[in-house]
Amino acid sequence: MTDAQTARGEELELFATCPKGFEAPLAAELAGLGAKGVRALHGQVAFAGTLADAYRVCLWSRIASRVMLVLGHGAAANADELLSKPDVDGGLIGGASLKPADFAAIVAAAGK
């Protein structure tokens, strides 16, 4: 997201996290707060809106745990492939950190 996009009020891809089982109430709440393209997922609700909409959800939602801005999309078969992409500076490590061999491969890929 650039400052120009923010100034123009462009639609952003967003999602709000919530406890499992609260996706439908959160989706209704987001629609009521003016979010567009609301889609309930597993433990989260995807939606579109401006930066002002994201701030409104942060301020007024009683169900959302967090509001996240999607910065990009991509696919990679492994850590080497992901970290070798030109616009990738790092990554968040999830479940792989619980498996020593997988975590070691990620650390090795990051060191290249």
N, C-alpha and C. Protein backbone atom coordinates (compact mmCIF):
# COMPACT_ATOMS: atom_id res chain seq x y z
N MET A 1 0.85 -1.17 0.00
CA MET A 1 0.00 0.00 0.00
C MET A 1 0.89 1.23 0.00
N THR A 2 0.61 2.14 -0.90
CA THR A 2 1.39 3.37 -0.98
C THR A 2 0.58 4.53 -0.40
N ASP A 3 1.27 5.64 -0.14
CA ASP A 3 0.58 6.83 0.34
C ASP A 3 -0.44 7.32 -0.67
N ALA A 4 -0.13 7.16 -1.97
CA ALA A 4 -1.06 7.58 -3.02
C ALA A 4 -2.34 6.75 -2.97
N GLN A 5 -2.22 5.44 -2.73
CA GLN A 5 -3.40 4.58 -2.62
C GLN A 5 -4.26 5.02 -1.44
N THR A 6 -3.61 5.32 -0.33
CA THR A 6 -4.33 5.76 0.86
C THR A 6 -5.05 7.08 0.60
N ALA A 7 -4.36 8.01 -0.05
CA ALA A 7 -4.94 9.32 -0.34
C ALA A 7 -6.14 9.21 -1.27
N ARG A 8 -6.08 8.27 -2.22
CA ARG A 8 -7.19 8.11 -3.17
C ARG A 8 -8.33 7.30 -2.58
N GLY A 9 -8.14 6.72 -1.41
CA GLY A 9 -9.19 5.92 -0.79
C GLY A 9 -9.44 4.62 -1.52
N GLU A 10 -8.39 4.01 -2.08
CA GLU A 10 -8.54 2.77 -2.83
C GLU A 10 -8.95 1.62 -1.93
N GLU A 11 -9.65 0.67 -2.53
CA GLU A 11 -10.06 -0.53 -1.80
C GLU A 11 -8.84 -1.39 -1.49
N LEU A 12 -8.78 -1.86 -0.27
CA LEU A 12 -7.69 -2.72 0.17
C LEU A 12 -8.25 -4.09 0.52
N GLU A 13 -7.40 -5.10 0.42
CA GLU A 13 -7.80 -6.45 0.83
C GLU A 13 -7.44 -6.59 2.31
N LEU A 14 -8.45 -6.88 3.12
CA LEU A 14 -8.29 -6.93 4.56
C LEU A 14 -8.88 -8.21 5.11
N PHE A 15 -8.50 -8.58 6.33
CA PHE A 15 -9.22 -9.62 7.04
C PHE A 15 -9.13 -9.36 8.53
N ALA A 16 -10.14 -9.82 9.24
CA ALA A 16 -10.22 -9.66 10.69
C ALA A 16 -10.25 -11.06 11.30
N THR A 17 -9.42 -11.27 12.31
CA THR A 17 -9.41 -12.55 12.98
C THR A 17 -10.41 -12.56 14.13
N CYS A 18 -10.84 -13.76 14.50
CA CYS A 18 -11.81 -13.89 15.58
C CYS A 18 -11.71 -15.30 16.16
N PRO A 19 -12.27 -15.53 17.34
CA PRO A 19 -12.31 -16.89 17.88
C PRO A 19 -13.14 -17.79 16.97
N LYS A 20 -12.75 -19.05 16.89
CA LYS A 20 -13.51 -20.01 16.07
C LYS A 20 -14.94 -20.06 16.56
N GLY A 21 -15.87 -20.07 15.60
CA GLY A 21 -17.29 -20.09 15.92
C GLY A 21 -17.93 -18.71 15.89
N PHE A 22 -17.10 -17.66 15.81
CA PHE A 22 -17.63 -16.29 15.79
C PHE A 22 -17.53 -15.65 14.41
N GLU A 23 -17.24 -16.45 13.38
CA GLU A 23 -17.08 -15.90 12.04
C GLU A 23 -18.37 -15.26 11.51
N ALA A 24 -19.50 -15.93 11.68
CA ALA A 24 -20.77 -15.39 11.16
C ALA A 24 -21.17 -14.10 11.87
N PRO A 25 -21.11 -14.04 13.22
CA PRO A 25 -21.43 -12.76 13.86
C PRO A 25 -20.46 -11.64 13.47
N LEU A 26 -19.17 -11.98 13.30
CA LEU A 26 -18.21 -10.96 12.89
C LEU A 26 -18.51 -10.48 11.48
N ALA A 27 -18.86 -11.40 10.58
CA ALA A 27 -19.21 -11.01 9.21
C ALA A 27 -20.38 -10.03 9.20
N ALA A 28 -21.39 -10.31 10.01
CA ALA A 28 -22.54 -9.40 10.09
C ALA A 28 -22.13 -8.06 10.67
N GLU A 29 -21.28 -8.08 11.68
CA GLU A 29 -20.81 -6.83 12.29
C GLU A 29 -20.02 -6.00 11.28
N LEU A 30 -19.12 -6.66 10.52
CA LEU A 30 -18.32 -5.94 9.53
C LEU A 30 -19.19 -5.33 8.44
N ALA A 31 -20.19 -6.08 7.98
CA ALA A 31 -21.11 -5.54 6.97
C ALA A 31 -21.83 -4.31 7.52
N GLY A 32 -22.22 -4.37 8.78
CA GLY A 32 -22.87 -3.23 9.42
C GLY A 32 -21.96 -2.02 9.57
N LEU A 33 -20.65 -2.27 9.62
CA LEU A 33 -19.68 -1.18 9.73
C LEU A 33 -19.24 -0.65 8.37
N GLY A 34 -19.83 -1.19 7.29
CA GLY A 34 -19.56 -0.67 5.95
C GLY A 34 -18.54 -1.44 5.14
N ALA A 35 -18.09 -2.60 5.64
CA ALA A 35 -17.13 -3.40 4.87
C ALA A 35 -17.82 -3.99 3.63
N LYS A 36 -17.05 -4.17 2.58
CA LYS A 36 -17.58 -4.72 1.33
C LYS A 36 -17.01 -6.11 1.10
N GLY A 37 -17.70 -6.93 0.34
CA GLY A 37 -17.20 -8.25 -0.03
C GLY A 37 -16.88 -9.12 1.17
N VAL A 38 -17.71 -9.09 2.18
CA VAL A 38 -17.46 -9.82 3.42
C VAL A 38 -17.61 -11.32 3.19
N ARG A 39 -16.59 -12.10 3.60
CA ARG A 39 -16.61 -13.56 3.46
C ARG A 39 -16.11 -14.19 4.75
N ALA A 40 -16.97 -14.95 5.40
CA ALA A 40 -16.58 -15.65 6.61
C ALA A 40 -15.72 -16.85 6.25
N LEU A 41 -14.58 -16.97 6.91
CA LEU A 41 -13.66 -18.08 6.70
C LEU A 41 -13.49 -18.82 8.03
N HIS A 42 -12.45 -19.60 8.17
CA HIS A 42 -12.21 -20.36 9.41
C HIS A 42 -11.36 -19.50 10.36
N GLY A 43 -11.97 -18.97 11.41
CA GLY A 43 -11.25 -18.15 12.37
C GLY A 43 -10.95 -16.75 11.91
N GLN A 44 -11.57 -16.35 10.81
CA GLN A 44 -11.34 -15.01 10.28
C GLN A 44 -12.43 -14.64 9.29
N VAL A 45 -12.50 -13.36 8.97
CA VAL A 45 -13.45 -12.87 7.98
C VAL A 45 -12.68 -11.96 7.03
N ALA A 46 -12.73 -12.27 5.74
CA ALA A 46 -12.09 -11.45 4.72
C ALA A 46 -13.07 -10.36 4.30
N PHE A 47 -12.52 -9.19 3.98
CA PHE A 47 -13.37 -8.10 3.49
C PHE A 47 -12.53 -7.09 2.74
N ALA A 48 -13.19 -6.17 2.07
CA ALA A 48 -12.51 -5.11 1.33
C ALA A 48 -12.96 -3.78 1.91
N GLY A 49 -12.08 -2.81 1.83
CA GLY A 49 -12.44 -1.48 2.30
C GLY A 49 -11.25 -0.55 2.21
N THR A 50 -11.48 0.68 2.52
CA THR A 50 -10.42 1.68 2.53
C THR A 50 -9.68 1.61 3.86
N LEU A 51 -8.62 2.38 3.97
CA LEU A 51 -7.89 2.43 5.23
C LEU A 51 -8.81 2.97 6.34
N ALA A 52 -9.68 3.90 6.00
CA ALA A 52 -10.64 4.42 6.97
C ALA A 52 -11.58 3.32 7.46
N ASP A 53 -11.99 2.42 6.55
CA ASP A 53 -12.83 1.28 6.95
C ASP A 53 -12.08 0.37 7.92
N ALA A 54 -10.80 0.13 7.65
CA ALA A 54 -10.00 -0.72 8.53
C ALA A 54 -9.90 -0.10 9.92
N TYR A 55 -9.67 1.21 9.98
CA TYR A 55 -9.62 1.88 11.28
C TYR A 55 -10.97 1.83 11.99
N ARG A 56 -12.05 1.97 11.23
CA ARG A 56 -13.39 1.91 11.82
C ARG A 56 -13.64 0.54 12.46
N VAL A 57 -13.23 -0.52 11.77
CA VAL A 57 -13.38 -1.87 12.30
C VAL A 57 -12.54 -2.03 13.56
N CYS A 58 -11.30 -1.53 13.53
CA CYS A 58 -10.44 -1.61 14.73
C CYS A 58 -11.09 -0.91 15.92
N LEU A 59 -11.70 0.22 15.66
CA LEU A 59 -12.28 1.01 16.75
C LEU A 59 -13.59 0.45 17.26
N TRP A 60 -14.45 -0.01 16.37
CA TRP A 60 -15.82 -0.32 16.77
C TRP A 60 -16.18 -1.81 16.83
N SER A 61 -15.39 -2.68 16.27
CA SER A 61 -15.74 -4.10 16.32
C SER A 61 -15.60 -4.63 17.74
N ARG A 62 -16.63 -5.36 18.18
CA ARG A 62 -16.59 -5.98 19.50
C ARG A 62 -16.17 -7.44 19.41
N ILE A 63 -16.02 -7.95 18.18
CA ILE A 63 -15.72 -9.37 17.99
C ILE A 63 -14.32 -9.59 17.41
N ALA A 64 -13.88 -8.73 16.50
CA ALA A 64 -12.59 -8.93 15.84
C ALA A 64 -11.45 -8.86 16.85
N SER A 65 -10.52 -9.80 16.72
CA SER A 65 -9.32 -9.78 17.56
C SER A 65 -8.27 -8.86 16.95
N ARG A 66 -8.13 -8.94 15.63
CA ARG A 66 -7.15 -8.13 14.91
C ARG A 66 -7.68 -7.83 13.52
N VAL A 67 -7.19 -6.75 12.95
CA VAL A 67 -7.49 -6.41 11.56
C VAL A 67 -6.17 -6.40 10.81
N MET A 68 -6.10 -7.17 9.74
CA MET A 68 -4.86 -7.32 8.98
C MET A 68 -5.04 -6.81 7.56
N LEU A 69 -3.99 -6.20 7.04
CA LEU A 69 -3.94 -5.75 5.66
C LEU A 69 -3.12 -6.75 4.86
N VAL A 70 -3.68 -7.26 3.78
CA VAL A 70 -2.96 -8.19 2.92
C VAL A 70 -2.01 -7.37 2.05
N LEU A 71 -0.71 -7.65 2.19
CA LEU A 71 0.29 -6.89 1.45
C LEU A 71 0.62 -7.50 0.10
N GLY A 72 0.38 -8.80 -0.06
CA GLY A 72 0.69 -9.44 -1.34
C GLY A 72 0.33 -10.90 -1.32
N HIS A 73 0.42 -11.52 -2.47
CA HIS A 73 0.14 -12.94 -2.64
C HIS A 73 1.29 -13.57 -3.40
N GLY A 74 1.50 -14.82 -3.15
CA GLY A 74 2.54 -15.54 -3.88
C GLY A 74 2.50 -17.01 -3.51
N ALA A 75 3.24 -17.78 -4.28
CA ALA A 75 3.32 -19.22 -4.02
C ALA A 75 4.78 -19.63 -4.06
N ALA A 76 5.13 -20.54 -3.18
CA ALA A 76 6.47 -21.10 -3.15
C ALA A 76 6.38 -22.51 -2.60
N ALA A 77 7.18 -23.39 -3.16
CA ALA A 77 7.16 -24.79 -2.74
C ALA A 77 7.90 -25.00 -1.44
N ASN A 78 8.87 -24.12 -1.14
CA ASN A 78 9.66 -24.28 0.07
C ASN A 78 10.29 -22.95 0.46
N ALA A 79 11.02 -22.95 1.57
CA ALA A 79 11.62 -21.72 2.08
C ALA A 79 12.65 -21.15 1.11
N ASP A 80 13.46 -22.01 0.48
CA ASP A 80 14.45 -21.54 -0.50
C ASP A 80 13.79 -20.72 -1.61
N GLU A 81 12.72 -21.28 -2.16
CA GLU A 81 12.03 -20.61 -3.26
C GLU A 81 11.39 -19.30 -2.80
N LEU A 82 10.78 -19.30 -1.63
CA LEU A 82 10.14 -18.09 -1.11
C LEU A 82 11.15 -16.99 -0.84
N LEU A 83 12.22 -17.32 -0.13
CA LEU A 83 13.19 -16.30 0.27
C LEU A 83 14.07 -15.84 -0.88
N SER A 84 14.06 -16.55 -2.01
CA SER A 84 14.86 -16.13 -3.16
C SER A 84 14.09 -15.15 -4.06
N LYS A 85 12.80 -14.94 -3.79
CA LYS A 85 12.02 -14.01 -4.61
C LYS A 85 12.54 -12.59 -4.37
N PRO A 86 12.57 -11.75 -5.42
CA PRO A 86 13.19 -10.43 -5.30
C PRO A 86 12.54 -9.49 -4.30
N ASP A 87 11.24 -9.57 -4.10
CA ASP A 87 10.56 -8.63 -3.20
C ASP A 87 10.30 -9.19 -1.82
N VAL A 88 10.91 -10.33 -1.47
CA VAL A 88 10.69 -10.94 -0.17
C VAL A 88 11.93 -10.72 0.69
N ASP A 89 11.73 -10.05 1.82
CA ASP A 89 12.84 -9.76 2.73
C ASP A 89 12.87 -10.70 3.93
N GLY A 90 11.81 -11.46 4.14
CA GLY A 90 11.74 -12.36 5.29
C GLY A 90 10.39 -13.05 5.30
N GLY A 91 10.10 -13.74 6.37
CA GLY A 91 8.83 -14.44 6.46
C GLY A 91 8.46 -14.75 7.89
N LEU A 92 7.20 -15.02 8.11
CA LEU A 92 6.72 -15.44 9.42
C LEU A 92 6.74 -16.96 9.46
N ILE A 93 7.22 -17.50 10.54
CA ILE A 93 7.34 -18.95 10.66
C ILE A 93 6.24 -19.45 11.57
N GLY A 94 5.40 -20.34 11.04
CA GLY A 94 4.29 -20.89 11.81
C GLY A 94 4.60 -22.27 12.32
N GLY A 95 3.80 -23.23 11.92
CA GLY A 95 3.90 -24.59 12.42
C GLY A 95 5.24 -25.26 12.15
N ALA A 96 5.97 -24.81 11.13
CA ALA A 96 7.27 -25.43 10.82
C ALA A 96 8.25 -25.26 11.97
N SER A 97 8.05 -24.24 12.80
CA SER A 97 8.98 -24.03 13.90
C SER A 97 8.87 -25.13 14.95
N LEU A 98 7.82 -25.93 14.90
CA LEU A 98 7.64 -27.02 15.85
C LEU A 98 8.36 -28.29 15.42
N LYS A 99 8.86 -28.32 14.18
CA LYS A 99 9.56 -29.49 13.66
C LYS A 99 11.02 -29.09 13.43
N PRO A 100 11.94 -29.58 14.23
CA PRO A 100 13.33 -29.13 14.14
C PRO A 100 13.93 -29.20 12.73
N ALA A 101 13.68 -30.27 11.99
CA ALA A 101 14.27 -30.40 10.65
C ALA A 101 13.72 -29.33 9.71
N ASP A 102 12.40 -29.08 9.76
CA ASP A 102 11.80 -28.06 8.90
C ASP A 102 12.31 -26.66 9.28
N PHE A 103 12.41 -26.42 10.58
CA PHE A 103 12.89 -25.11 11.04
C PHE A 103 14.34 -24.90 10.61
N ALA A 104 15.16 -25.94 10.69
CA ALA A 104 16.56 -25.84 10.28
C ALA A 104 16.67 -25.50 8.79
N ALA A 105 15.79 -26.08 7.98
CA ALA A 105 15.80 -25.78 6.53
C ALA A 105 15.44 -24.33 6.27
N ILE A 106 14.50 -23.80 7.03
CA ILE A 106 14.11 -22.39 6.88
C ILE A 106 15.26 -21.47 7.29
N VAL A 107 15.90 -21.79 8.40
CA VAL A 107 17.04 -20.98 8.86
C VAL A 107 18.16 -21.02 7.82
N ALA A 108 18.41 -22.18 7.27
CA ALA A 108 19.46 -22.31 6.25
C ALA A 108 19.12 -21.49 5.01
N ALA A 109 17.86 -21.53 4.60
CA ALA A 109 17.42 -20.77 3.41
C ALA A 109 17.54 -19.28 3.68
N ALA A 110 17.24 -18.84 4.88
CA ALA A 110 17.29 -17.42 5.22
C ALA A 110 18.73 -16.91 5.24
N GLY A 111 19.66 -17.79 5.51
CA GLY A 111 21.06 -17.39 5.59
C GLY A 111 21.75 -17.24 4.24
N LYS A 112 21.09 -17.63 3.17
CA LYS A 112 21.70 -17.56 1.82
C LYS A 112 21.72 -16.17 1.29
